[in-house]
C-alpha atoms as a PDB file:
ATOM      1  CA  MET A   1       0.000   0.000   0.000  1.00  0.00           C
ATOM      2  CA  THR A   2       1.244   3.412  -0.817  1.00  0.00           C
ATOM      3  CA  ALA A   3       1.113   6.162   1.752  1.00  0.00           C
ATOM      4  CA  LYS A   4      -0.600   8.434  -0.790  1.00  0.00           C
ATOM      5  CA  ASN A   5      -3.573   6.085  -1.150  1.00  0.00           C
ATOM      6  CA  LYS A   6      -3.844   5.544   2.597  1.00  0.00           C
ATOM      7  CA  LYS A   7      -3.821   9.300   3.113  1.00  0.00           C
ATOM      8  CA  LYS A   8      -6.552   9.857   0.490  1.00  0.00           C
ATOM      9  CA  ALA A   9      -8.745   7.162   2.072  1.00  0.00           C
ATOM     10  CA  ARG A  10      -8.167   8.577   5.569  1.00  0.00           C
ATOM     11  CA  GLN A  11      -9.150  12.032   4.305  1.00  0.00           C
ATOM     12  CA  LYS A  12     -12.411  10.675   2.823  1.00  0.00           C
ATOM     13  CA  ARG A  13     -13.165   8.914   6.110  1.00  0.00           C
ATOM     14  CA  LEU A  14     -12.570  12.066   8.136  1.00  0.00           C
ATOM     15  CA  GLU A  15     -14.724  14.117   5.750  1.00  0.00           C
ATOM     16  CA  LEU A  16     -17.612  11.681   6.181  1.00  0.00           C
ATOM     17  CA  GLN A  17     -17.105  11.504   9.926  1.00  0.00           C
ATOM     18  CA  LYS A  18     -17.166  15.282  10.262  1.00  0.00           C
ATOM     19  CA  ALA A  19     -19.987  15.966   7.787  1.00  0.00           C
ATOM     20  CA  TYR A  20     -22.349  13.449   9.380  1.00  0.00           C
ATOM     21  CA  ALA A  21     -21.090  13.657  13.000  1.00  0.00           C
ATOM     22  CA  ILE A  22     -20.359   9.922  13.229  1.00  0.00           C
ATOM     23  CA  THR A  23     -19.104   9.249  16.747  1.00  0.00           C
ATOM     24  CA  ASP A  24     -20.661   5.953  17.837  1.00  0.00           C
ATOM     25  CA  GLU A  25     -18.683   2.707  17.964  1.00  0.00           C
ATOM     26  CA  GLY A  26     -20.719   1.000  15.233  1.00  0.00           C
ATOM     27  CA  GLY A  27     -20.255   3.954  12.904  1.00  0.00           C
ATOM     28  CA  GLU A  28     -16.523   3.980  13.629  1.00  0.00           C
ATOM     29  CA  ASN A  29     -16.284   0.282  12.744  1.00  0.00           C
ATOM     30  CA  ILE A  30     -18.140   0.776   9.483  1.00  0.00           C
ATOM     31  CA  LEU A  31     -15.923   3.758   8.636  1.00  0.00           C
ATOM     32  CA  SER A  32     -12.893   1.579   9.276  1.00  0.00           C
ATOM     33  CA  VAL A  33     -14.182  -0.971   6.747  1.00  0.00           C
ATOM     34  CA  PHE A  34     -14.962   1.904   4.368  1.00  0.00           C
ATOM     35  CA  GLU A  35     -11.419   3.251   4.647  1.00  0.00           C
ATOM     36  CA  SER A  36      -9.827  -0.165   4.139  1.00  0.00           C
ATOM     37  CA  ALA A  37     -11.958  -0.892   1.077  1.00  0.00           C
ATOM     38  CA  LEU A  38     -11.222   2.544  -0.329  1.00  0.00           C
ATOM     39  CA  VAL A  39      -7.460   1.942  -0.032  1.00  0.00           C
ATOM     40  CA  THR A  40      -7.952  -1.293  -1.981  1.00  0.00           C
ATOM     41  CA  VAL A  41      -9.941   0.573  -4.641  1.00  0.00           C
ATOM     42  CA  TYR A  42      -7.205   3.184  -5.005  1.00  0.00           C
ATOM     43  CA  GLU A  43      -4.449   0.550  -5.169  1.00  0.00           C
ATOM     44  CA  CYS A  44      -6.290  -1.491  -7.804  1.00  0.00           C
ATOM     45  CA  GLU A  45      -7.103   1.598  -9.853  1.00  0.00           C
ATOM     46  CA  ASP A  46      -3.433   2.581  -9.831  1.00  0.00           C
ATOM     47  CA  ALA A  47      -2.344  -0.892 -10.976  1.00  0.00           C
ATOM     48  CA  VAL A  48      -5.003  -1.127 -13.697  1.00  0.00           C
ATOM     49  CA  THR A  49      -4.181   2.373 -14.918  1.00  0.00           C
ATOM     50  CA  LYS A  50      -0.488   1.462 -15.094  1.00  0.00           C
ATOM     51  CA  ASP A  51      -0.930  -1.994 -16.699  1.00  0.00           C
ATOM     52  CA  GLY A  52      -4.091  -1.430 -18.747  1.00  0.00           C
ATOM     53  CA  LEU A  53      -7.427  -3.232 -18.687  1.00  0.00           C
ATOM     54  CA  LYS A  54      -5.943  -6.210 -20.513  1.00  0.00           C
ATOM     55  CA  VAL A  55      -2.709  -8.052 -19.850  1.00  0.00           C
ATOM     56  CA  THR A  56      -0.861 -10.779 -21.687  1.00  0.00           C
ATOM     57  CA  ASP A  57      -0.365 -14.060 -19.823  1.00  0.00           C
ATOM     58  CA  ARG A  58       2.722 -16.271 -20.048  1.00  0.00           C
ATOM     59  CA  TRP A  59       1.364 -18.026 -23.156  1.00  0.00           C
ATOM     60  CA  GLY A  60       0.765 -14.762 -24.985  1.00  0.00           C
ATOM     61  CA  GLN A  61      -2.999 -14.754 -24.513  1.00  0.00           C
ATOM     62  CA  VAL A  62      -4.702 -11.441 -23.832  1.00  0.00           C
ATOM     63  CA  LYS A  63      -6.719 -11.594 -20.605  1.00  0.00           C
ATOM     64  CA  PRO A  64      -8.599  -9.093 -18.482  1.00  0.00           C
ATOM     65  CA  HIS A  65      -6.440  -7.602 -15.754  1.00  0.00           C
ATOM     66  CA  PRO A  66      -6.504  -9.970 -12.752  1.00  0.00           C
ATOM     67  CA  LEU A  67      -7.244  -7.106 -10.349  1.00  0.00           C
ATOM     68  CA  LEU A  68     -10.526  -6.162 -12.046  1.00  0.00           C
ATOM     69  CA  PRO A  69     -12.621  -8.534  -9.870  1.00  0.00           C
ATOM     70  CA  VAL A  70     -10.812  -7.258  -6.766  1.00  0.00           C
ATOM     71  CA  LEU A  71     -11.563  -3.675  -7.823  1.00  0.00           C
ATOM     72  CA  ARG A  72     -15.225  -4.525  -8.424  1.00  0.00           C
ATOM     73  CA  ASP A  73     -15.563  -6.199  -5.022  1.00  0.00           C
ATOM     74  CA  ALA A  74     -13.772  -3.360  -3.213  1.00  0.00           C
ATOM     75  CA  ARG A  75     -16.071  -0.804  -4.836  1.00  0.00           C
ATOM     76  CA  ALA A  76     -19.064  -2.895  -3.769  1.00  0.00           C
ATOM     77  CA  GLN A  77     -17.697  -2.931  -0.210  1.00  0.00           C
ATOM     78  CA  VAL A  78     -17.321   0.855  -0.230  1.00  0.00           C
ATOM     79  CA  LEU A  79     -20.920   1.237  -1.358  1.00  0.00           C
ATOM     80  CA  ALA A  80     -22.154  -1.360   1.152  1.00  0.00           C
ATOM     81  CA  SER A  81     -20.405   0.409   4.003  1.00  0.00           C
ATOM     82  CA  LEU A  82     -21.925   3.739   2.963  1.00  0.00           C
ATOM     83  CA  LYS A  83     -25.328   2.087   2.827  1.00  0.00           C
ATOM     84  CA  ALA A  84     -24.767   0.509   6.258  1.00  0.00           C
ATOM     85  CA  LEU A  85     -24.116   3.961   7.707  1.00  0.00           C
ATOM     86  CA  ASN A  86     -27.668   4.889   6.642  1.00  0.00           C
ATOM     87  CA  LEU A  87     -26.628   8.437   5.826  1.00  0.00           C
ATOM     88  CA  ASP A  88     -29.051  11.166   4.901  1.00  0.00           C
ATOM     89  CA  LEU A  89     -28.508  12.759   1.511  1.00  0.00           C
ATOM     90  CA  GLU A  90     -27.362  16.047   3.003  1.00  0.00           C
ATOM     91  CA  PRO A  91     -24.710  16.436   5.673  1.00  0.00           C
ATOM     92  CA  LEU A  92     -25.607  18.045   8.981  1.00  0.00           C
ATOM     93  CA  LYS A  93     -26.114  21.783   8.850  1.00  0.00           C
ATOM     94  CA  SER A  94     -26.686  24.414  11.463  1.00  0.00           C
ATOM     95  CA  VAL A  95     -30.194  24.608  12.849  1.00  0.00           C
ATOM     96  CA  GLY A  96     -32.316  27.695  12.420  1.00  0.00           C
ATOM     97  CA  ARG A  97     -33.276  30.244   9.884  1.00  0.00           C
ATOM     98  CA  PRO A  98     -30.901  31.328   7.137  1.00  0.00           C
ATOM     99  CA  GLY A  99     -28.822  34.449   7.721  1.00  0.00           C
ATOM    100  CA  LEU A 100     -30.063  37.915   6.942  1.00  0.00           C
ATOM    101  CA  TYR A 101     -28.558  38.100   3.445  1.00  0.00           C
ATOM    102  CA  GLU A 102     -29.007  34.466   2.418  1.00  0.00           C
ATOM    103  CA  SER A 103     -31.890  33.763   0.084  1.00  0.00           C
ATOM    104  CA  GLU A 104     -33.698  30.426  -0.095  1.00  0.00           C
ATOM    105  CA  ASP A 105     -33.172  30.327  -3.894  1.00  0.00           C
ATOM    106  CA  ASP A 106     -29.336  30.022  -3.609  1.00  0.00           C
END
């Protein structure tokens, strides 16, 4: 795992945690799974981007990249963890009326 991909995944986790105020133990566990799956997604995407969607095996046959199923499953895990968090479509916002100069049309 590269540090760059771990850092990107950690940043996404912290953004979600802050935006939706996730502080409970269950939410933390799901975010941990989310972060781990996201690192796998980033790693697979890097490898597939570098090698291409198709690779040649030892007999010269063109085959789909062997990490494509891993990438698919990791993406499914990211989506499943987001679904398990049962997030609302909009992050938490301050309660109350809009400010004096804010219009509802913006």
